[in-house]
């Protein structure tokens, strides 16, 4: 992990840091050889053409994917967790559905074009 990413994580407020660390660890557990860099001012995890990114927002932490298709099953299964077109927004006090998040990360990285 490069110094820019480390600085990003160091700046995450204490209330959201465990959430960011849990998502970071989950991504690297699935893809230990992912290249981790700072793209669009967010820690981004790349494997070949696929990628996911994390972002510390004002009231939540977002997991970004490269497309809406990667979230289709997640949205059906977890309608109570806010999502955008290509992201999931986790509030610090919400339990993360780890199995479902793993599926989203795998799909985004293994099927970057949505196939």
N, C-alpha and C. Protein backbone atom coordinates (compact mmCIF):
# COMPACT_ATOMS: atom_id res chain seq x y z
N UNK A 1 0.85 -1.17 0.00
CA UNK A 1 0.00 0.00 0.00
C UNK A 1 0.90 1.24 0.00
N UNK A 2 0.54 2.20 -0.83
CA UNK A 2 1.41 3.37 -0.92
C UNK A 2 1.11 4.39 0.18
N UNK A 3 2.00 5.33 0.30
CA UNK A 3 1.91 6.33 1.38
C UNK A 3 0.64 7.17 1.29
N UNK A 4 0.19 7.50 0.09
CA UNK A 4 -1.04 8.29 -0.07
C UNK A 4 -2.24 7.56 0.53
N UNK A 5 -2.31 6.27 0.29
CA UNK A 5 -3.41 5.47 0.83
C UNK A 5 -3.31 5.40 2.35
N UNK A 6 -2.12 5.22 2.86
CA UNK A 6 -1.94 5.21 4.31
C UNK A 6 -2.40 6.53 4.93
N UNK A 7 -2.06 7.65 4.30
CA UNK A 7 -2.48 8.95 4.80
C UNK A 7 -4.01 9.08 4.77
N UNK A 8 -4.62 8.54 3.72
CA UNK A 8 -6.08 8.56 3.62
C UNK A 8 -6.69 7.83 4.82
N UNK A 9 -6.19 6.62 5.08
CA UNK A 9 -6.73 5.83 6.19
C UNK A 9 -6.47 6.50 7.53
N UNK A 10 -5.32 7.12 7.68
CA UNK A 10 -5.00 7.82 8.93
C UNK A 10 -5.96 8.98 9.19
N UNK A 11 -6.50 9.57 8.13
CA UNK A 11 -7.40 10.72 8.27
C UNK A 11 -8.86 10.34 8.51
N UNK A 12 -9.18 9.06 8.41
CA UNK A 12 -10.57 8.62 8.63
C UNK A 12 -10.92 8.82 10.11
N UNK A 13 -12.06 9.45 10.39
CA UNK A 13 -12.47 9.65 11.79
C UNK A 13 -12.62 8.33 12.53
N UNK A 14 -12.38 8.38 13.82
CA UNK A 14 -12.39 7.18 14.68
C UNK A 14 -13.69 6.38 14.57
N UNK A 15 -14.83 7.06 14.44
CA UNK A 15 -16.10 6.33 14.40
C UNK A 15 -16.28 5.50 13.14
N UNK A 16 -15.59 5.87 12.07
CA UNK A 16 -15.70 5.12 10.81
C UNK A 16 -14.48 4.26 10.50
N UNK A 17 -13.42 4.42 11.26
CA UNK A 17 -12.19 3.68 10.98
C UNK A 17 -12.39 2.16 11.03
N UNK A 18 -13.08 1.59 12.04
CA UNK A 18 -13.26 0.13 12.04
C UNK A 18 -13.99 -0.38 10.79
N UNK A 19 -14.94 0.40 10.31
CA UNK A 19 -15.69 0.03 9.11
C UNK A 19 -14.78 0.04 7.88
N UNK A 20 -13.99 1.08 7.74
CA UNK A 20 -13.05 1.17 6.61
C UNK A 20 -12.05 0.02 6.68
N UNK A 21 -11.53 -0.24 7.86
CA UNK A 21 -10.55 -1.33 8.01
C UNK A 21 -11.17 -2.69 7.69
N UNK A 22 -12.42 -2.89 8.11
CA UNK A 22 -13.08 -4.17 7.83
C UNK A 22 -13.27 -4.37 6.33
N UNK A 23 -13.70 -3.32 5.63
CA UNK A 23 -13.88 -3.43 4.18
C UNK A 23 -12.53 -3.60 3.48
N UNK A 24 -11.53 -2.87 3.91
CA UNK A 24 -10.18 -3.00 3.35
C UNK A 24 -9.68 -4.44 3.50
N UNK A 25 -9.81 -4.98 4.72
CA UNK A 25 -9.35 -6.35 4.97
C UNK A 25 -10.12 -7.37 4.14
N UNK A 26 -11.42 -7.15 3.99
CA UNK A 26 -12.26 -8.08 3.21
C UNK A 26 -11.78 -8.10 1.75
N UNK A 27 -11.54 -6.94 1.18
CA UNK A 27 -11.10 -6.86 -0.21
C UNK A 27 -9.74 -7.56 -0.39
N UNK A 28 -8.81 -7.28 0.52
CA UNK A 28 -7.49 -7.90 0.39
C UNK A 28 -7.50 -9.38 0.74
N UNK A 29 -8.46 -9.82 1.54
CA UNK A 29 -8.62 -11.26 1.79
C UNK A 29 -9.01 -11.96 0.49
N UNK A 30 -9.90 -11.34 -0.27
CA UNK A 30 -10.35 -11.93 -1.54
C UNK A 30 -9.30 -11.79 -2.64
N UNK A 31 -8.60 -10.66 -2.64
CA UNK A 31 -7.63 -10.36 -3.70
C UNK A 31 -6.33 -9.84 -3.07
N UNK A 32 -5.55 -10.73 -2.48
CA UNK A 32 -4.33 -10.30 -1.80
C UNK A 32 -3.30 -9.65 -2.73
N UNK A 33 -3.39 -9.91 -4.02
CA UNK A 33 -2.45 -9.33 -4.97
C UNK A 33 -2.97 -8.07 -5.64
N UNK A 34 -4.10 -7.54 -5.15
CA UNK A 34 -4.66 -6.33 -5.74
C UNK A 34 -3.68 -5.17 -5.61
N UNK A 35 -3.65 -4.34 -6.61
CA UNK A 35 -2.88 -3.11 -6.55
C UNK A 35 -3.74 -2.08 -5.84
N UNK A 36 -3.20 -1.50 -4.77
CA UNK A 36 -3.95 -0.52 -3.99
C UNK A 36 -3.32 0.85 -4.21
N UNK A 37 -4.10 1.75 -4.74
CA UNK A 37 -3.63 3.10 -4.99
C UNK A 37 -4.72 4.11 -4.70
N UNK A 38 -4.44 5.36 -4.90
CA UNK A 38 -5.41 6.42 -4.67
C UNK A 38 -5.85 6.94 -6.03
N UNK A 39 -7.07 6.61 -6.42
CA UNK A 39 -7.66 7.09 -7.67
C UNK A 39 -8.90 7.89 -7.32
N UNK A 40 -9.06 9.03 -7.96
CA UNK A 40 -10.20 9.91 -7.66
C UNK A 40 -10.29 10.21 -6.17
N UNK A 41 -9.13 10.32 -5.52
CA UNK A 41 -9.02 10.63 -4.09
C UNK A 41 -9.63 9.55 -3.20
N UNK A 42 -9.68 8.30 -3.70
CA UNK A 42 -10.20 7.17 -2.93
C UNK A 42 -9.24 5.99 -3.02
N UNK A 43 -9.07 5.23 -1.94
CA UNK A 43 -8.32 3.98 -2.04
C UNK A 43 -9.02 3.06 -3.04
N UNK A 44 -8.28 2.64 -4.04
CA UNK A 44 -8.85 1.83 -5.12
C UNK A 44 -8.04 0.54 -5.23
N UNK A 45 -8.77 -0.56 -5.38
CA UNK A 45 -8.19 -1.90 -5.41
C UNK A 45 -8.40 -2.45 -6.83
N UNK A 46 -7.31 -2.69 -7.55
CA UNK A 46 -7.40 -3.11 -8.94
C UNK A 46 -6.80 -4.51 -9.13
N UNK A 47 -7.49 -5.29 -9.92
CA UNK A 47 -7.00 -6.59 -10.37
C UNK A 47 -7.36 -6.66 -11.85
N UNK A 48 -6.35 -6.68 -12.69
CA UNK A 48 -6.56 -6.62 -14.13
C UNK A 48 -7.43 -5.41 -14.45
N UNK A 49 -8.57 -5.62 -15.11
CA UNK A 49 -9.44 -4.49 -15.47
C UNK A 49 -10.48 -4.19 -14.39
N UNK A 50 -10.65 -5.10 -13.44
CA UNK A 50 -11.66 -4.91 -12.41
C UNK A 50 -11.17 -4.06 -11.25
N UNK A 51 -12.10 -3.39 -10.58
CA UNK A 51 -11.71 -2.56 -9.44
C UNK A 51 -12.90 -2.33 -8.52
N UNK A 52 -12.57 -2.01 -7.27
CA UNK A 52 -13.51 -1.48 -6.29
C UNK A 52 -12.76 -0.38 -5.55
N UNK A 53 -13.50 0.51 -4.90
CA UNK A 53 -12.87 1.60 -4.17
C UNK A 53 -13.65 1.87 -2.88
N UNK A 54 -12.97 2.46 -1.91
CA UNK A 54 -13.59 2.85 -0.65
C UNK A 54 -13.54 4.37 -0.55
N UNK A 55 -14.57 4.94 0.08
CA UNK A 55 -14.57 6.38 0.30
C UNK A 55 -15.19 6.69 1.65
N UNK A 56 -14.49 7.50 2.41
CA UNK A 56 -15.00 8.00 3.67
C UNK A 56 -15.84 9.23 3.35
N UNK A 57 -17.13 9.13 3.55
CA UNK A 57 -18.04 10.25 3.31
C UNK A 57 -18.36 10.95 4.62
N UNK A 58 -19.21 11.94 4.57
CA UNK A 58 -19.52 12.72 5.76
C UNK A 58 -20.20 11.89 6.86
N UNK A 59 -21.13 11.02 6.48
CA UNK A 59 -21.88 10.25 7.46
C UNK A 59 -21.81 8.73 7.26
N UNK A 60 -21.05 8.30 6.29
CA UNK A 60 -20.98 6.88 5.98
C UNK A 60 -19.71 6.56 5.22
N UNK A 61 -19.53 5.27 4.96
CA UNK A 61 -18.40 4.79 4.16
C UNK A 61 -18.99 4.11 2.92
N UNK A 62 -18.47 4.44 1.77
CA UNK A 62 -18.98 3.88 0.53
C UNK A 62 -18.02 2.86 -0.06
N UNK A 63 -18.60 1.81 -0.61
CA UNK A 63 -17.87 0.84 -1.41
C UNK A 63 -18.32 1.06 -2.84
N UNK A 64 -17.42 1.51 -3.70
CA UNK A 64 -17.73 1.79 -5.09
C UNK A 64 -17.33 0.61 -5.97
N UNK A 65 -18.15 0.36 -6.99
CA UNK A 65 -17.84 -0.64 -8.01
C UNK A 65 -17.83 0.07 -9.35
N UNK A 66 -17.49 -0.63 -10.37
CA UNK A 66 -17.43 -0.01 -11.69
C UNK A 66 -18.75 -0.13 -12.45
N UNK A 67 -19.85 -0.37 -11.73
CA UNK A 67 -21.14 -0.42 -12.42
C UNK A 67 -22.29 -0.91 -11.57
N UNK A 68 -23.46 -0.49 -11.96
CA UNK A 68 -24.71 -0.83 -11.28
C UNK A 68 -25.00 -2.33 -11.27
N UNK A 69 -24.59 -3.00 -12.32
CA UNK A 69 -24.85 -4.44 -12.44
C UNK A 69 -24.28 -5.24 -11.28
N UNK A 70 -23.20 -4.77 -10.71
CA UNK A 70 -22.54 -5.50 -9.63
C UNK A 70 -23.35 -5.47 -8.33
N UNK A 71 -24.30 -4.55 -8.24
CA UNK A 71 -25.08 -4.39 -7.01
C UNK A 71 -26.48 -4.98 -7.10
N UNK A 72 -26.87 -5.50 -8.23
CA UNK A 72 -28.25 -5.95 -8.43
C UNK A 72 -28.71 -6.94 -7.35
N UNK A 73 -27.95 -7.98 -7.13
CA UNK A 73 -28.35 -8.98 -6.13
C UNK A 73 -28.31 -8.39 -4.72
N UNK A 74 -27.30 -7.56 -4.44
CA UNK A 74 -27.18 -6.94 -3.13
C UNK A 74 -28.41 -6.08 -2.83
N UNK A 75 -28.83 -5.28 -3.79
CA UNK A 75 -29.98 -4.40 -3.60
C UNK A 75 -31.25 -5.20 -3.30
N UNK A 76 -31.45 -6.32 -3.99
CA UNK A 76 -32.62 -7.17 -3.75
C UNK A 76 -32.59 -7.77 -2.35
N UNK A 77 -31.41 -8.21 -1.96
CA UNK A 77 -31.26 -8.91 -0.68
C UNK A 77 -31.22 -7.96 0.52
N UNK A 78 -30.73 -6.73 0.31
CA UNK A 78 -30.55 -5.78 1.41
C UNK A 78 -31.15 -4.41 1.06
N UNK A 79 -32.48 -4.34 0.88
CA UNK A 79 -33.09 -3.07 0.48
C UNK A 79 -32.98 -1.98 1.56
N UNK A 80 -32.67 -2.37 2.77
CA UNK A 80 -32.55 -1.42 3.87
C UNK A 80 -31.19 -0.71 3.91
N UNK A 81 -30.22 -1.20 3.15
CA UNK A 81 -28.89 -0.56 3.10
C UNK A 81 -28.86 0.36 1.89
N UNK A 82 -28.60 1.65 2.11
CA UNK A 82 -28.61 2.60 1.00
C UNK A 82 -27.54 2.28 -0.06
N UNK A 83 -27.94 2.45 -1.30
CA UNK A 83 -27.03 2.23 -2.43
C UNK A 83 -27.21 3.36 -3.43
N UNK A 84 -26.21 3.54 -4.26
CA UNK A 84 -26.29 4.44 -5.39
C UNK A 84 -26.23 3.59 -6.65
N UNK A 85 -25.98 4.22 -7.77
CA UNK A 85 -25.90 3.45 -9.02
C UNK A 85 -24.79 2.42 -8.99
N UNK A 86 -23.65 2.78 -8.42
CA UNK A 86 -22.52 1.85 -8.40
C UNK A 86 -21.86 1.73 -7.05
N UNK A 87 -22.60 2.10 -5.97
CA UNK A 87 -21.96 2.06 -4.66
C UNK A 87 -22.94 1.61 -3.57
N UNK A 88 -22.37 1.17 -2.47
CA UNK A 88 -23.11 0.82 -1.26
C UNK A 88 -22.63 1.79 -0.18
N UNK A 89 -23.57 2.34 0.57
CA UNK A 89 -23.24 3.30 1.62
C UNK A 89 -23.50 2.68 2.99
N UNK A 90 -22.44 2.45 3.74
CA UNK A 90 -22.55 1.83 5.06
C UNK A 90 -22.42 2.88 6.15
N UNK A 91 -23.40 2.94 7.03
CA UNK A 91 -23.28 3.80 8.21
C UNK A 91 -22.44 3.04 9.23
N UNK A 92 -21.71 3.77 10.07
CA UNK A 92 -20.80 3.11 11.01
C UNK A 92 -21.46 2.11 11.96
N UNK A 93 -22.70 2.31 12.31
CA UNK A 93 -23.35 1.44 13.30
C UNK A 93 -24.11 0.26 12.68
N UNK A 94 -24.07 0.11 11.37
CA UNK A 94 -24.79 -0.97 10.71
C UNK A 94 -23.90 -2.20 10.56
N UNK A 95 -24.48 -3.36 10.82
CA UNK A 95 -23.74 -4.61 10.63
C UNK A 95 -23.60 -4.87 9.12
N UNK A 96 -22.39 -5.13 8.71
CA UNK A 96 -22.12 -5.36 7.29
C UNK A 96 -22.48 -6.82 6.94
N UNK A 97 -23.30 -7.02 5.91
CA UNK A 97 -23.58 -8.38 5.45
C UNK A 97 -22.38 -8.89 4.64
N UNK A 98 -21.41 -9.45 5.35
CA UNK A 98 -20.11 -9.78 4.74
C UNK A 98 -20.22 -10.70 3.53
N UNK A 99 -21.05 -11.72 3.60
CA UNK A 99 -21.16 -12.65 2.47
C UNK A 99 -21.65 -11.91 1.22
N UNK A 100 -22.61 -11.04 1.38
CA UNK A 100 -23.14 -10.29 0.24
C UNK A 100 -22.12 -9.28 -0.29
N UNK A 101 -21.38 -8.66 0.60
CA UNK A 101 -20.35 -7.71 0.16
C UNK A 101 -19.24 -8.45 -0.58
N UNK A 102 -18.90 -9.64 -0.11
CA UNK A 102 -17.90 -10.43 -0.84
C UNK A 102 -18.36 -10.70 -2.27
N UNK A 103 -19.64 -11.02 -2.44
CA UNK A 103 -20.18 -11.29 -3.78
C UNK A 103 -20.08 -10.05 -4.66
N UNK A 104 -20.37 -8.88 -4.10
CA UNK A 104 -20.29 -7.63 -4.85
C UNK A 104 -18.84 -7.40 -5.29
N UNK A 105 -17.91 -7.54 -4.37
CA UNK A 105 -16.50 -7.30 -4.68
C UNK A 105 -16.02 -8.29 -5.75
N UNK A 106 -16.35 -9.54 -5.57
CA UNK A 106 -15.93 -10.56 -6.57
C UNK A 106 -16.50 -10.24 -7.94
N UNK A 107 -17.79 -9.90 -7.99
CA UNK A 107 -18.41 -9.63 -9.28
C UNK A 107 -17.78 -8.40 -9.93
N UNK A 108 -17.54 -7.35 -9.17
CA UNK A 108 -16.96 -6.13 -9.74
C UNK A 108 -15.56 -6.38 -10.28
N UNK A 109 -14.78 -7.17 -9.56
CA UNK A 109 -13.40 -7.39 -9.99
C UNK A 109 -13.31 -8.46 -11.08
N UNK A 110 -14.10 -9.51 -10.95
CA UNK A 110 -14.02 -10.59 -11.92
C UNK A 110 -14.80 -10.32 -13.22
N UNK A 111 -15.76 -9.39 -13.16
CA UNK A 111 -16.60 -9.08 -14.33
C UNK A 111 -16.68 -7.56 -14.51
N UNK A 112 -15.55 -6.92 -14.79
CA UNK A 112 -15.53 -5.45 -14.84
C UNK A 112 -16.45 -4.85 -15.89
N UNK A 113 -16.74 -5.57 -16.92
CA UNK A 113 -17.62 -5.05 -17.97
C UNK A 113 -19.08 -5.45 -17.71
N UNK A 114 -19.32 -6.06 -16.55
CA UNK A 114 -20.69 -6.41 -16.17
C UNK A 114 -21.19 -7.74 -16.68
N UNK A 115 -20.32 -8.52 -17.28
CA UNK A 115 -20.75 -9.80 -17.87
C UNK A 115 -20.92 -10.84 -16.80
